[in-house]
């Protein structure tokens, strides 16, 4: 008497990739962008600029709603501009910051794939 055994194939341990994962350079860039956003003050500043007429605001209009001194606000705006979320233009003694078109979409596009 010989018995035959059915061979059971194990289920795959992981789902297959359906798109290209982040490469090292792209992950570094995304981490830099997200680090710039990973601060409550900077998120509030972005939201105020985005909600302003023409998606642009003067530094003088940002100190009161945030409740921080102008040098601190300028520091946070410099980080956001360096990450490419805001552009800066000088008018007289004041600096104006504008939302860079498509900057926020870059982050969501990478995460969405």
PDB file of N, CA and C in Angstrom:
ATOM      1  N   UNK A   1       0.810  -1.159   0.000  1.00  0.00           N
ATOM      2  CA  UNK A   1       0.000   0.000   0.000  1.00  0.00           C
ATOM      3  C   UNK A   1       0.868   1.243   0.000  1.00  0.00           C
ATOM      4  N   UNK A   2       0.592   2.016  -0.940  1.00  0.00           N
ATOM      5  CA  UNK A   2       1.321   3.267  -1.000  1.00  0.00           C
ATOM      6  C   UNK A   2       0.324   4.406  -0.906  1.00  0.00           C
ATOM      7  N   UNK A   3       0.633   5.342  -0.113  1.00  0.00           N
ATOM      8  CA  UNK A   3      -0.236   6.501   0.073  1.00  0.00           C
ATOM      9  C   UNK A   3       0.387   7.689  -0.646  1.00  0.00           C
ATOM     10  N   UNK A   4      -0.445   8.458  -1.253  1.00  0.00           N
ATOM     11  CA  UNK A   4       0.069   9.665  -1.892  1.00  0.00           C
ATOM     12  C   UNK A   4      -0.285  10.866  -1.018  1.00  0.00           C
ATOM     13  N   UNK A   5       0.640  11.720  -0.914  1.00  0.00           N
ATOM     14  CA  UNK A   5       0.427  12.922  -0.114  1.00  0.00           C
ATOM     15  C   UNK A   5       0.223  14.110  -1.045  1.00  0.00           C
ATOM     16  N   UNK A   6      -0.782  14.895  -0.745  1.00  0.00           N
ATOM     17  CA  UNK A   6      -0.972  16.121  -1.497  1.00  0.00           C
ATOM     18  C   UNK A   6       0.004  17.163  -0.959  1.00  0.00           C
ATOM     19  N   UNK A   7       0.663  17.818  -1.873  1.00  0.00           N
ATOM     20  CA  UNK A   7       1.599  18.872  -1.475  1.00  0.00           C
ATOM     21  C   UNK A   7       0.824  20.178  -1.412  1.00  0.00           C
ATOM     22  N   UNK A   8       0.864  20.792  -0.274  1.00  0.00           N
ATOM     23  CA  UNK A   8       0.178  22.073  -0.076  1.00  0.00           C
ATOM     24  C   UNK A   8       1.197  23.183  -0.260  1.00  0.00           C
ATOM     25  N   UNK A   9       0.882  24.077  -1.183  1.00  0.00           N
ATOM     26  CA  UNK A   9       1.763  25.211  -1.426  1.00  0.00           C
ATOM     27  C   UNK A   9       1.503  26.280  -0.367  1.00  0.00           C
ATOM     28  N   UNK A  10       2.540  26.764   0.254  1.00  0.00           N
ATOM     29  CA  UNK A  10       2.332  27.829   1.247  1.00  0.00           C
ATOM     30  C   UNK A  10       1.896  29.116   0.554  1.00  0.00           C
ATOM     31  N   UNK A  11       1.107  29.864   1.257  1.00  0.00           N
ATOM     32  CA  UNK A  11       0.663  31.166   0.736  1.00  0.00           C
ATOM     33  C   UNK A  11       1.851  32.121   0.733  1.00  0.00           C
ATOM     34  N   UNK A  12       1.841  33.028  -0.184  1.00  0.00           N
ATOM     35  CA  UNK A  12       2.905  34.027  -0.243  1.00  0.00           C
ATOM     36  C   UNK A  12       2.908  34.838   1.049  1.00  0.00           C
ATOM     37  N   UNK A  13       4.091  35.154   1.537  1.00  0.00           N
ATOM     38  CA  UNK A  13       4.174  35.876   2.802  1.00  0.00           C
ATOM     39  C   UNK A  13       3.896  37.358   2.638  1.00  0.00           C
ATOM     40  N   UNK A  14       4.081  37.862   1.460  1.00  0.00           N
ATOM     41  CA  UNK A  14       3.906  39.299   1.244  1.00  0.00           C
ATOM     42  C   UNK A  14       3.156  39.540  -0.060  1.00  0.00           C
ATOM     43  N   UNK A  15       2.457  40.613  -0.103  1.00  0.00           N
ATOM     44  CA  UNK A  15       1.788  41.002  -1.338  1.00  0.00           C
ATOM     45  C   UNK A  15       2.847  41.519  -2.315  1.00  0.00           C
ATOM     46  N   UNK A  16       2.686  41.240  -3.588  1.00  0.00           N
ATOM     47  CA  UNK A  16       3.668  41.740  -4.555  1.00  0.00           C
ATOM     48  C   UNK A  16       3.566  43.257  -4.696  1.00  0.00           C
ATOM     49  N   UNK A  17       4.664  43.870  -5.076  1.00  0.00           N
ATOM     50  CA  UNK A  17       4.671  45.317  -5.296  1.00  0.00           C
ATOM     51  C   UNK A  17       3.847  45.642  -6.529  1.00  0.00           C
ATOM     52  N   UNK A  18       3.063  46.676  -6.434  1.00  0.00           N
ATOM     53  CA  UNK A  18       2.243  47.084  -7.571  1.00  0.00           C
ATOM     54  C   UNK A  18       2.776  48.363  -8.217  1.00  0.00           C
ATOM     55  N   UNK A  19       3.793  48.946  -7.606  1.00  0.00           N
ATOM     56  CA  UNK A  19       4.439  50.111  -8.187  1.00  0.00           C
ATOM     57  C   UNK A  19       5.855  50.182  -7.654  1.00  0.00           C
ATOM     58  N   UNK A  20       6.642  51.034  -8.271  1.00  0.00           N
ATOM     59  CA  UNK A  20       8.040  51.205  -7.877  1.00  0.00           C
ATOM     60  C   UNK A  20       8.124  51.869  -6.502  1.00  0.00           C
ATOM     61  N   UNK A  21       8.838  51.263  -5.554  1.00  0.00           N
ATOM     62  CA  UNK A  21       8.985  51.913  -4.242  1.00  0.00           C
ATOM     63  C   UNK A  21       9.955  53.097  -4.342  1.00  0.00           C
ATOM     64  N   UNK A  22       9.981  53.905  -3.305  1.00  0.00           N
ATOM     65  CA  UNK A  22      10.885  55.058  -3.273  1.00  0.00           C
ATOM     66  C   UNK A  22      12.333  54.599  -3.343  1.00  0.00           C
ATOM     67  N   UNK A  23      13.110  55.292  -4.143  1.00  0.00           N
ATOM     68  CA  UNK A  23      14.546  55.077  -4.154  1.00  0.00           C
ATOM     69  C   UNK A  23      15.182  55.881  -3.034  1.00  0.00           C
ATOM     70  N   UNK A  24      16.455  55.672  -2.809  1.00  0.00           N
ATOM     71  CA  UNK A  24      17.152  56.339  -1.699  1.00  0.00           C
ATOM     72  C   UNK A  24      17.138  57.855  -1.862  1.00  0.00           C
ATOM     73  N   UNK A  25      17.440  58.357  -3.050  1.00  0.00           N
ATOM     74  CA  UNK A  25      17.478  59.815  -3.262  1.00  0.00           C
ATOM     75  C   UNK A  25      16.093  60.426  -3.115  1.00  0.00           C
ATOM     76  N   UNK A  26      15.079  59.746  -3.651  1.00  0.00           N
ATOM     77  CA  UNK A  26      13.708  60.261  -3.548  1.00  0.00           C
ATOM     78  C   UNK A  26      13.241  60.249  -2.092  1.00  0.00           C
ATOM     79  N   UNK A  27      13.629  59.232  -1.336  1.00  0.00           N
ATOM     80  CA  UNK A  27      13.273  59.170   0.083  1.00  0.00           C
ATOM     81  C   UNK A  27      13.952  60.290   0.865  1.00  0.00           C
ATOM     82  N   UNK A  28      15.202  60.590   0.525  1.00  0.00           N
ATOM     83  CA  UNK A  28      15.908  61.704   1.179  1.00  0.00           C
ATOM     84  C   UNK A  28      15.202  63.029   0.909  1.00  0.00           C
ATOM     85  N   UNK A  29      14.829  63.258  -0.357  1.00  0.00           N
ATOM     86  CA  UNK A  29      14.127  64.497  -0.718  1.00  0.00           C
ATOM     87  C   UNK A  29      12.790  64.605   0.003  1.00  0.00           C
ATOM     88  N   UNK A  30      12.038  63.508   0.013  1.00  0.00           N
ATOM     89  CA  UNK A  30      10.734  63.511   0.673  1.00  0.00           C
ATOM     90  C   UNK A  30      10.879  63.730   2.177  1.00  0.00           C
ATOM     91  N   UNK A  31      11.885  63.128   2.782  1.00  0.00           N
ATOM     92  CA  UNK A  31      12.116  63.313   4.220  1.00  0.00           C
ATOM     93  C   UNK A  31      12.427  64.770   4.537  1.00  0.00           C
ATOM     94  N   UNK A  32      13.194  65.436   3.665  1.00  0.00           N
ATOM     95  CA  UNK A  32      13.519  66.845   3.866  1.00  0.00           C
ATOM     96  C   UNK A  32      12.246  67.694   3.791  1.00  0.00           C
ATOM     97  N   UNK A  33      11.379  67.385   2.820  1.00  0.00           N
ATOM     98  CA  UNK A  33      10.118  68.119   2.693  1.00  0.00           C
ATOM     99  C   UNK A  33       9.224  67.890   3.906  1.00  0.00           C
ATOM    100  N   UNK A  34       9.130  66.636   4.311  1.00  0.00           N
ATOM    101  CA  UNK A  34       8.251  66.326   5.441  1.00  0.00           C
ATOM    102  C   UNK A  34       8.793  66.889   6.748  1.00  0.00           C
ATOM    103  N   UNK A  35      10.110  66.949   6.873  1.00  0.00           N
ATOM    104  CA  UNK A  35      10.710  67.552   8.071  1.00  0.00           C
ATOM    105  C   UNK A  35      10.328  69.029   8.162  1.00  0.00           C
ATOM    106  N   UNK A  36      10.314  69.701   7.005  1.00  0.00           N
ATOM    107  CA  UNK A  36       9.911  71.114   6.993  1.00  0.00           C
ATOM    108  C   UNK A  36       8.452  71.263   7.410  1.00  0.00           C
ATOM    109  N   UNK A  37       7.626  70.285   7.079  1.00  0.00           N
ATOM    110  CA  UNK A  37       6.204  70.344   7.426  1.00  0.00           C
ATOM    111  C   UNK A  37       5.903  69.827   8.831  1.00  0.00           C
ATOM    112  N   UNK A  38       6.837  69.140   9.425  1.00  0.00           N
ATOM    113  CA  UNK A  38       6.598  68.463  10.704  1.00  0.00           C
ATOM    114  C   UNK A  38       6.734  69.405  11.899  1.00  0.00           C
ATOM    115  N   UNK A  39       6.134  70.549  11.797  1.00  0.00           N
ATOM    116  CA  UNK A  39       6.162  71.526  12.873  1.00  0.00           C
ATOM    117  C   UNK A  39       4.819  72.246  12.880  1.00  0.00           C
ATOM    118  N   UNK A  40       4.141  72.302  14.021  1.00  0.00           N
ATOM    119  CA  UNK A  40       2.816  72.935  14.067  1.00  0.00           C
ATOM    120  C   UNK A  40       2.825  74.400  13.611  1.00  0.00           C
ATOM    121  N   UNK A  41       3.864  75.145  13.968  1.00  0.00           N
ATOM    122  CA  UNK A  41       3.924  76.554  13.559  1.00  0.00           C
ATOM    123  C   UNK A  41       4.035  76.660  12.047  1.00  0.00           C
ATOM    124  N   UNK A  42       4.885  75.837  11.427  1.00  0.00           N
ATOM    125  CA  UNK A  42       5.047  75.897   9.973  1.00  0.00           C
ATOM    126  C   UNK A  42       3.782  75.457   9.257  1.00  0.00           C
ATOM    127  N   UNK A  43       3.080  74.472   9.791  1.00  0.00           N
ATOM    128  CA  UNK A  43       1.803  74.067   9.188  1.00  0.00           C
ATOM    129  C   UNK A  43       0.790  75.210   9.258  1.00  0.00           C
ATOM    130  N   UNK A  44       0.750  75.898  10.381  1.00  0.00           N
ATOM    131  CA  UNK A  44      -0.171  77.036  10.520  1.00  0.00           C
ATOM    132  C   UNK A  44       0.204  78.157   9.560  1.00  0.00           C
ATOM    133  N   UNK A  45       1.493  78.450   9.444  1.00  0.00           N
ATOM    134  CA  UNK A  45       1.935  79.492   8.514  1.00  0.00           C
ATOM    135  C   UNK A  45       1.540  79.149   7.080  1.00  0.00           C
ATOM    136  N   UNK A  46       1.762  77.901   6.674  1.00  0.00           N
ATOM    137  CA  UNK A  46       1.364  77.484   5.327  1.00  0.00           C
ATOM    138  C   UNK A  46      -0.125  77.649   5.117  1.00  0.00           C
ATOM    139  N   UNK A  47      -0.907  77.287   6.125  1.00  0.00           N
ATOM    140  CA  UNK A  47      -2.361  77.372   5.971  1.00  0.00           C
ATOM    141  C   UNK A  47      -2.823  78.827   5.889  1.00  0.00           C
ATOM    142  N   UNK A  48      -2.173  79.718   6.632  1.00  0.00           N
ATOM    143  CA  UNK A  48      -2.529  81.138   6.566  1.00  0.00           C
ATOM    144  C   UNK A  48      -2.172  81.707   5.203  1.00  0.00           C
ATOM    145  N   UNK A  49      -0.978  81.413   4.713  1.00  0.00           N
ATOM    146  CA  UNK A  49      -0.574  81.897   3.389  1.00  0.00           C
ATOM    147  C   UNK A  49      -1.516  81.341   2.321  1.00  0.00           C
ATOM    148  N   UNK A  50      -1.825  80.050   2.400  1.00  0.00           N
ATOM    149  CA  UNK A  50      -2.707  79.423   1.407  1.00  0.00           C
ATOM    150  C   UNK A  50      -4.107  80.025   1.440  1.00  0.00           C
ATOM    151  N   UNK A  51      -4.561  80.461   2.614  1.00  0.00           N
ATOM    152  CA  UNK A  51      -5.908  81.025   2.753  1.00  0.00           C
ATOM    153  C   UNK A  51      -5.953  82.529   2.459  1.00  0.00           C
ATOM    154  N   UNK A  52      -4.794  83.152   2.311  1.00  0.00           N
ATOM    155  CA  UNK A  52      -4.728  84.593   2.061  1.00  0.00           C
ATOM    156  C   UNK A  52      -5.055  84.915   0.614  1.00  0.00           C
ATOM    157  N   UNK A  53      -5.469  86.151   0.394  1.00  0.00           N
ATOM    158  CA  UNK A  53      -5.775  86.628  -0.956  1.00  0.00           C
ATOM    159  C   UNK A  53      -4.556  86.438  -1.853  1.00  0.00           C
ATOM    160  N   UNK A  54      -4.740  85.746  -2.951  1.00  0.00           N
ATOM    161  CA  UNK A  54      -3.641  85.482  -3.873  1.00  0.00           C
ATOM    162  C   UNK A  54      -2.640  84.469  -3.352  1.00  0.00           C
ATOM    163  N   UNK A  55      -2.968  83.784  -2.282  1.00  0.00           N
ATOM    164  CA  UNK A  55      -2.084  82.822  -1.610  1.00  0.00           C
ATOM    165  C   UNK A  55      -0.715  83.451  -1.332  1.00  0.00           C
ATOM    166  N   UNK A  56      -0.775  84.676  -0.795  1.00  0.00           N
ATOM    167  CA  UNK A  56       0.429  85.432  -0.484  1.00  0.00           C
ATOM    168  C   UNK A  56       0.178  86.239   0.789  1.00  0.00           C
ATOM    169  N   UNK A  57       1.207  86.341   1.649  1.00  0.00           N
ATOM    170  CA  UNK A  57       1.063  87.113   2.882  1.00  0.00           C
ATOM    171  C   UNK A  57       2.387  87.773   3.243  1.00  0.00           C
ATOM    172  N   UNK A  58       2.264  88.935   3.868  1.00  0.00           N
ATOM    173  CA  UNK A  58       3.417  89.668   4.377  1.00  0.00           C
ATOM    174  C   UNK A  58       3.776  89.111   5.752  1.00  0.00           C
ATOM    175  N   UNK A  59       5.061  89.129   6.061  1.00  0.00           N
ATOM    176  CA  UNK A  59       5.488  88.701   7.391  1.00  0.00           C
ATOM    177  C   UNK A  59       4.751  89.492   8.466  1.00  0.00           C
ATOM    178  N   UNK A  60       4.497  90.759   8.194  1.00  0.00           N
ATOM    179  CA  UNK A  60       3.817  91.616   9.177  1.00  0.00           C
ATOM    180  C   UNK A  60       2.398  91.114   9.479  1.00  0.00           C
ATOM    181  N   UNK A  61       1.797  90.367   8.549  1.00  0.00           N
ATOM    182  CA  UNK A  61       0.449  89.832   8.761  1.00  0.00           C
ATOM    183  C   UNK A  61       0.442  88.462   9.427  1.00  0.00           C
ATOM    184  N   UNK A  62       1.614  87.893   9.656  1.00  0.00           N
ATOM    185  CA  UNK A  62       1.685  86.534  10.187  1.00  0.00           C
ATOM    186  C   UNK A  62       2.048  86.468  11.666  1.00  0.00           C
ATOM    187  N   UNK A  63       2.618  87.531  12.208  1.00  0.00           N
ATOM    188  CA  UNK A  63       3.065  87.479  13.598  1.00  0.00           C
ATOM    189  C   UNK A  63       1.903  87.412  14.576  1.00  0.00           C
ATOM    190  N   UNK A  64       0.884  88.228  14.372  1.00  0.00           N
ATOM    191  CA  UNK A  64      -0.246  88.258  15.309  1.00  0.00           C
ATOM    192  C   UNK A  64      -1.026  86.932  15.357  1.00  0.00           C
ATOM    193  N   UNK A  65      -1.447  86.369  14.214  1.00  0.00           N
ATOM    194  CA  UNK A  65      -2.231  85.130  14.297  1.00  0.00           C
ATOM    195  C   UNK A  65      -1.439  83.947  14.871  1.00  0.00           C
ATOM    196  N   UNK A  66      -0.128  83.950  14.680  1.00  0.00           N
ATOM    197  CA  UNK A  66       0.697  82.858  15.197  1.00  0.00           C
ATOM    198  C   UNK A  66       1.081  83.119  16.647  1.00  0.00           C
ATOM    199  N   UNK A  67       1.230  84.386  17.013  1.00  0.00           N
ATOM    200  CA  UNK A  67       1.568  84.728  18.394  1.00  0.00           C
ATOM    201  C   UNK A  67       3.036  84.570  18.725  1.00  0.00           C
ATOM    202  N   UNK A  68       3.885  84.697  17.695  1.00  0.00           N
ATOM    203  CA  UNK A  68       5.327  84.614  17.913  1.00  0.00           C
ATOM    204  C   UNK A  68       5.977  85.878  17.375  1.00  0.00           C
ATOM    205  N   UNK A  69       7.198  86.152  17.822  1.00  0.00           N
ATOM    206  CA  UNK A  69       7.922  87.345  17.376  1.00  0.00           C
ATOM    207  C   UNK A  69       8.310  87.215  15.906  1.00  0.00           C
ATOM    208  N   UNK A  70       8.498  88.354  15.268  1.00  0.00           N
ATOM    209  CA  UNK A  70       8.827  88.392  13.842  1.00  0.00           C
ATOM    210  C   UNK A  70      10.079  87.582  13.499  1.00  0.00           C
ATOM    211  N   UNK A  71      11.171  87.636  14.293  1.00  0.00           N
ATOM    212  CA  UNK A  71      12.343  86.823  13.943  1.00  0.00           C
ATOM    213  C   UNK A  71      12.045  85.317  13.939  1.00  0.00           C
ATOM    214  N   UNK A  72      11.209  84.867  14.849  1.00  0.00           N
ATOM    215  CA  UNK A  72      10.844  83.448  14.896  1.00  0.00           C
ATOM    216  C   UNK A  72       9.993  83.072  13.692  1.00  0.00           C
ATOM    217  N   UNK A  73       9.042  83.935  13.349  1.00  0.00           N
ATOM    218  CA  UNK A  73       8.210  83.706  12.163  1.00  0.00           C
ATOM    219  C   UNK A  73       9.105  83.651  10.922  1.00  0.00           C
ATOM    220  N   UNK A  74      10.041  84.588  10.807  1.00  0.00           N
ATOM    221  CA  UNK A  74      10.946  84.622   9.658  1.00  0.00           C
ATOM    222  C   UNK A  74      11.778  83.350   9.566  1.00  0.00           C
ATOM    223  N   UNK A  75      12.209  82.837  10.705  1.00  0.00           N
ATOM    224  CA  UNK A  75      12.974  81.575  10.725  1.00  0.00           C
ATOM    225  C   UNK A  75      12.144  80.438  10.131  1.00  0.00           C
ATOM    226  N   UNK A  76      10.900  80.305  10.571  1.00  0.00           N
ATOM    227  CA  UNK A  76      10.038  79.238  10.063  1.00  0.00           C
ATOM    228  C   UNK A  76       9.734  79.432   8.574  1.00  0.00           C
ATOM    229  N   UNK A  77       9.517  80.668   8.154  1.00  0.00           N
ATOM    230  CA  UNK A  77       9.257  80.945   6.745  1.00  0.00           C
ATOM    231  C   UNK A  77      10.477  80.619   5.879  1.00  0.00           C
ATOM    232  N   UNK A  78      11.666  80.873   6.402  1.00  0.00           N
ATOM    233  CA  UNK A  78      12.891  80.551   5.678  1.00  0.00           C
ATOM    234  C   UNK A  78      12.996  79.041   5.456  1.00  0.00           C
ATOM    235  N   UNK A  79      12.631  78.250   6.446  1.00  0.00           N
ATOM    236  CA  UNK A  79      12.660  76.789   6.313  1.00  0.00           C
ATOM    237  C   UNK A  79      11.660  76.335   5.253  1.00  0.00           C
ATOM    238  N   UNK A  80      10.461  76.910   5.292  1.00  0.00           N
ATOM    239  CA  UNK A  80       9.439  76.551   4.298  1.00  0.00           C
ATOM    240  C   UNK A  80       9.847  76.967   2.892  1.00  0.00           C
ATOM    241  N   UNK A  81      10.490  78.119   2.769  1.00  0.00           N
ATOM    242  CA  UNK A  81      10.967  78.567   1.463  1.00  0.00           C
ATOM    243  C   UNK A  81      12.115  77.678   0.975  1.00  0.00           C
ATOM    244  N   UNK A  82      12.997  77.303   1.877  1.00  0.00           N
ATOM    245  CA  UNK A  82      14.111  76.432   1.521  1.00  0.00           C
ATOM    246  C   UNK A  82      13.661  75.062   1.048  1.00  0.00           C
ATOM    247  N   UNK A  83      12.528  74.600   1.578  1.00  0.00           N
ATOM    248  CA  UNK A  83      11.978  73.307   1.172  1.00  0.00           C
ATOM    249  C   UNK A  83      11.147  73.418  -0.101  1.00  0.00           C
ATOM    250  N   UNK A  84      10.948  74.640  -0.578  1.00  0.00           N
ATOM    251  CA  UNK A  84      10.230  74.834  -1.833  1.00  0.00           C
ATOM    252  C   UNK A  84       8.729  74.997  -1.714  1.00  0.00           C
ATOM    253  N   UNK A  85       8.231  75.194  -0.499  1.00  0.00           N
ATOM    254  CA  UNK A  85       6.793  75.388  -0.307  1.00  0.00           C
ATOM    255  C   UNK A  85       6.366  76.838  -0.514  1.00  0.00           C
ATOM    256  N   UNK A  86       7.266  77.771  -0.194  1.00  0.00           N
ATOM    257  CA  UNK A  86       6.961  79.194  -0.314  1.00  0.00           C
ATOM    258  C   UNK A  86       8.036  79.890  -1.143  1.00  0.00           C
ATOM    259  N   UNK A  87       7.626  80.933  -1.841  1.00  0.00           N
ATOM    260  CA  UNK A  87       8.594  81.811  -2.497  1.00  0.00           C
ATOM    261  C   UNK A  87       8.580  83.136  -1.741  1.00  0.00           C
ATOM    262  N   UNK A  88       9.673  83.886  -1.832  1.00  0.00           N
ATOM    263  CA  UNK A  88       9.826  85.130  -1.081  1.00  0.00           C
ATOM    264  C   UNK A  88      10.099  86.276  -2.044  1.00  0.00           C
ATOM    265  N   UNK A  89       9.423  87.389  -1.794  1.00  0.00           N
ATOM    266  CA  UNK A  89       9.726  88.601  -2.546  1.00  0.00           C
ATOM    267  C   UNK A  89       9.794  89.763  -1.557  1.00  0.00           C
ATOM    268  N   UNK A  90      10.682  90.688  -1.819  1.00  0.00           N
ATOM    269  CA  UNK A  90      10.890  91.835  -0.932  1.00  0.00           C
ATOM    270  C   UNK A  90      10.193  93.046  -1.537  1.00  0.00           C
ATOM    271  N   UNK A  91       9.389  93.735  -0.716  1.00  0.00           N
ATOM    272  CA  UNK A  91       8.713  94.973  -1.123  1.00  0.00           C
ATOM    273  C   UNK A  91       8.945  96.004  -0.035  1.00  0.00           C
ATOM    274  N   UNK A  92       9.808  96.927  -0.340  1.00  0.00           N
ATOM    275  CA  UNK A  92      10.168  97.908   0.690  1.00  0.00           C
ATOM    276  C   UNK A  92      10.921  97.209   1.799  1.00  0.00           C
ATOM    277  N   UNK A  93      10.436  97.414   3.028  1.00  0.00           N
ATOM    278  CA  UNK A  93      11.108  96.785   4.168  1.00  0.00           C
ATOM    279  C   UNK A  93      10.509  95.426   4.519  1.00  0.00           C
ATOM    280  N   UNK A  94       9.429  95.040   3.861  1.00  0.00           N
ATOM    281  CA  UNK A  94       8.733  93.806   4.212  1.00  0.00           C
ATOM    282  C   UNK A  94       8.981  92.693   3.204  1.00  0.00           C
ATOM    283  N   UNK A  95       8.972  91.485   3.722  1.00  0.00           N
ATOM    284  CA  UNK A  95       9.074  90.290   2.873  1.00  0.00           C
ATOM    285  C   UNK A  95       7.685  89.687   2.734  1.00  0.00           C
ATOM    286  N   UNK A  96       7.362  89.307   1.528  1.00  0.00           N
ATOM    287  CA  UNK A  96       6.085  88.653   1.232  1.00  0.00           C
ATOM    288  C   UNK A  96       6.369  87.218   0.827  1.00  0.00           C
ATOM    289  N   UNK A  97       5.550  86.318   1.327  1.00  0.00           N
ATOM    290  CA  UNK A  97       5.701  84.898   1.015  1.00  0.00           C
ATOM    291  C   UNK A  97       4.462  84.412   0.283  1.00  0.00           C
ATOM    292  N   UNK A  98       4.700  83.648  -0.786  1.00  0.00           N
ATOM    293  CA  UNK A  98       3.604  83.104  -1.584  1.00  0.00           C
ATOM    294  C   UNK A  98       3.753  81.594  -1.674  1.00  0.00           C
ATOM    295  N   UNK A  99       2.630  80.920  -1.708  1.00  0.00           N
ATOM    296  CA  UNK A  99       2.616  79.473  -1.870  1.00  0.00           C
ATOM    297  C   UNK A  99       3.107  79.129  -3.271  1.00  0.00           C
ATOM    298  N   UNK A 100       4.058  78.219  -3.360  1.00  0.00           N
ATOM    299  CA  UNK A 100       4.567  77.781  -4.664  1.00  0.00           C
ATOM    300  C   UNK A 100       3.540  76.825  -5.264  1.00  0.00           C
ATOM    301  N   UNK A 101       3.047  77.125  -6.461  1.00  0.00           N
ATOM    302  CA  UNK A 101       2.035  76.253  -7.072  1.00  0.00           C
ATOM    303  C   UNK A 101       2.545  74.815  -7.198  1.00  0.00           C
ATOM    304  N   UNK A 102       1.726  73.878  -6.732  1.00  0.00           N
ATOM    305  CA  UNK A 102       2.052  72.460  -6.845  1.00  0.00           C
ATOM    306  C   UNK A 102       2.984  71.914  -5.789  1.00  0.00           C
ATOM    307  N   UNK A 103       3.503  72.763  -4.890  1.00  0.00           N
ATOM    308  CA  UNK A 103       4.477  72.294  -3.902  1.00  0.00           C
ATOM    309  C   UNK A 103       3.883  71.256  -2.951  1.00  0.00           C
ATOM    310  N   UNK A 104       2.678  71.508  -2.468  1.00  0.00           N
ATOM    311  CA  UNK A 104       2.062  70.551  -1.535  1.00  0.00           C
ATOM    312  C   UNK A 104       1.629  69.277  -2.254  1.00  0.00           C
ATOM    313  N   UNK A 105       1.266  69.397  -3.512  1.00  0.00           N
ATOM    314  CA  UNK A 105       0.844  68.235  -4.285  1.00  0.00           C
ATOM    315  C   UNK A 105       2.000  67.267  -4.497  1.00  0.00           C
ATOM    316  N   UNK A 106       3.244  67.779  -4.554  1.00  0.00           N
ATOM    317  CA  UNK A 106       4.413  66.911  -4.719  1.00  0.00           C
ATOM    318  C   UNK A 106       4.478  65.872  -3.617  1.00  0.00           C
ATOM    319  N   UNK A 107       4.232  66.315  -2.380  1.00  0.00           N
ATOM    320  CA  UNK A 107       4.296  65.399  -1.239  1.00  0.00           C
ATOM    321  C   UNK A 107       3.200  64.343  -1.348  1.00  0.00           C
ATOM    322  N   UNK A 108       1.977  64.777  -1.622  1.00  0.00           N
ATOM    323  CA  UNK A 108       0.871  63.818  -1.687  1.00  0.00           C
ATOM    324  C   UNK A 108       1.011  62.888  -2.890  1.00  0.00           C
ATOM    325  N   UNK A 109       1.544  63.368  -4.014  1.00  0.00           N
ATOM    326  CA  UNK A 109       1.725  62.518  -5.180  1.00  0.00           C
ATOM    327  C   UNK A 109       2.701  61.381  -4.917  1.00  0.00           C
ATOM    328  N   UNK A 110       3.791  61.686  -4.231  1.00  0.00           N
ATOM    329  CA  UNK A 110       4.776  60.652  -3.918  1.00  0.00           C
ATOM    330  C   UNK A 110       4.169  59.602  -3.005  1.00  0.00           C
ATOM    331  N   UNK A 111       3.394  60.035  -2.037  1.00  0.00           N
ATOM    332  CA  UNK A 111       2.795  59.087  -1.094  1.00  0.00           C
ATOM    333  C   UNK A 111       1.680  58.267  -1.732  1.00  0.00           C
ATOM    334  N   UNK A 112       0.960  58.868  -2.675  1.00  0.00           N
ATOM    335  CA  UNK A 112      -0.105  58.160  -3.357  1.00  0.00           C
ATOM    336  C   UNK A 112       0.403  57.201  -4.416  1.00  0.00           C
ATOM    337  N   UNK A 113       1.544  57.549  -4.997  1.00  0.00           N
ATOM    338  CA  UNK A 113       2.114  56.708  -6.048  1.00  0.00           C
ATOM    339  C   UNK A 113       1.500  57.024  -7.330  1.00  0.00           C
TER     340      UNK A 113
END
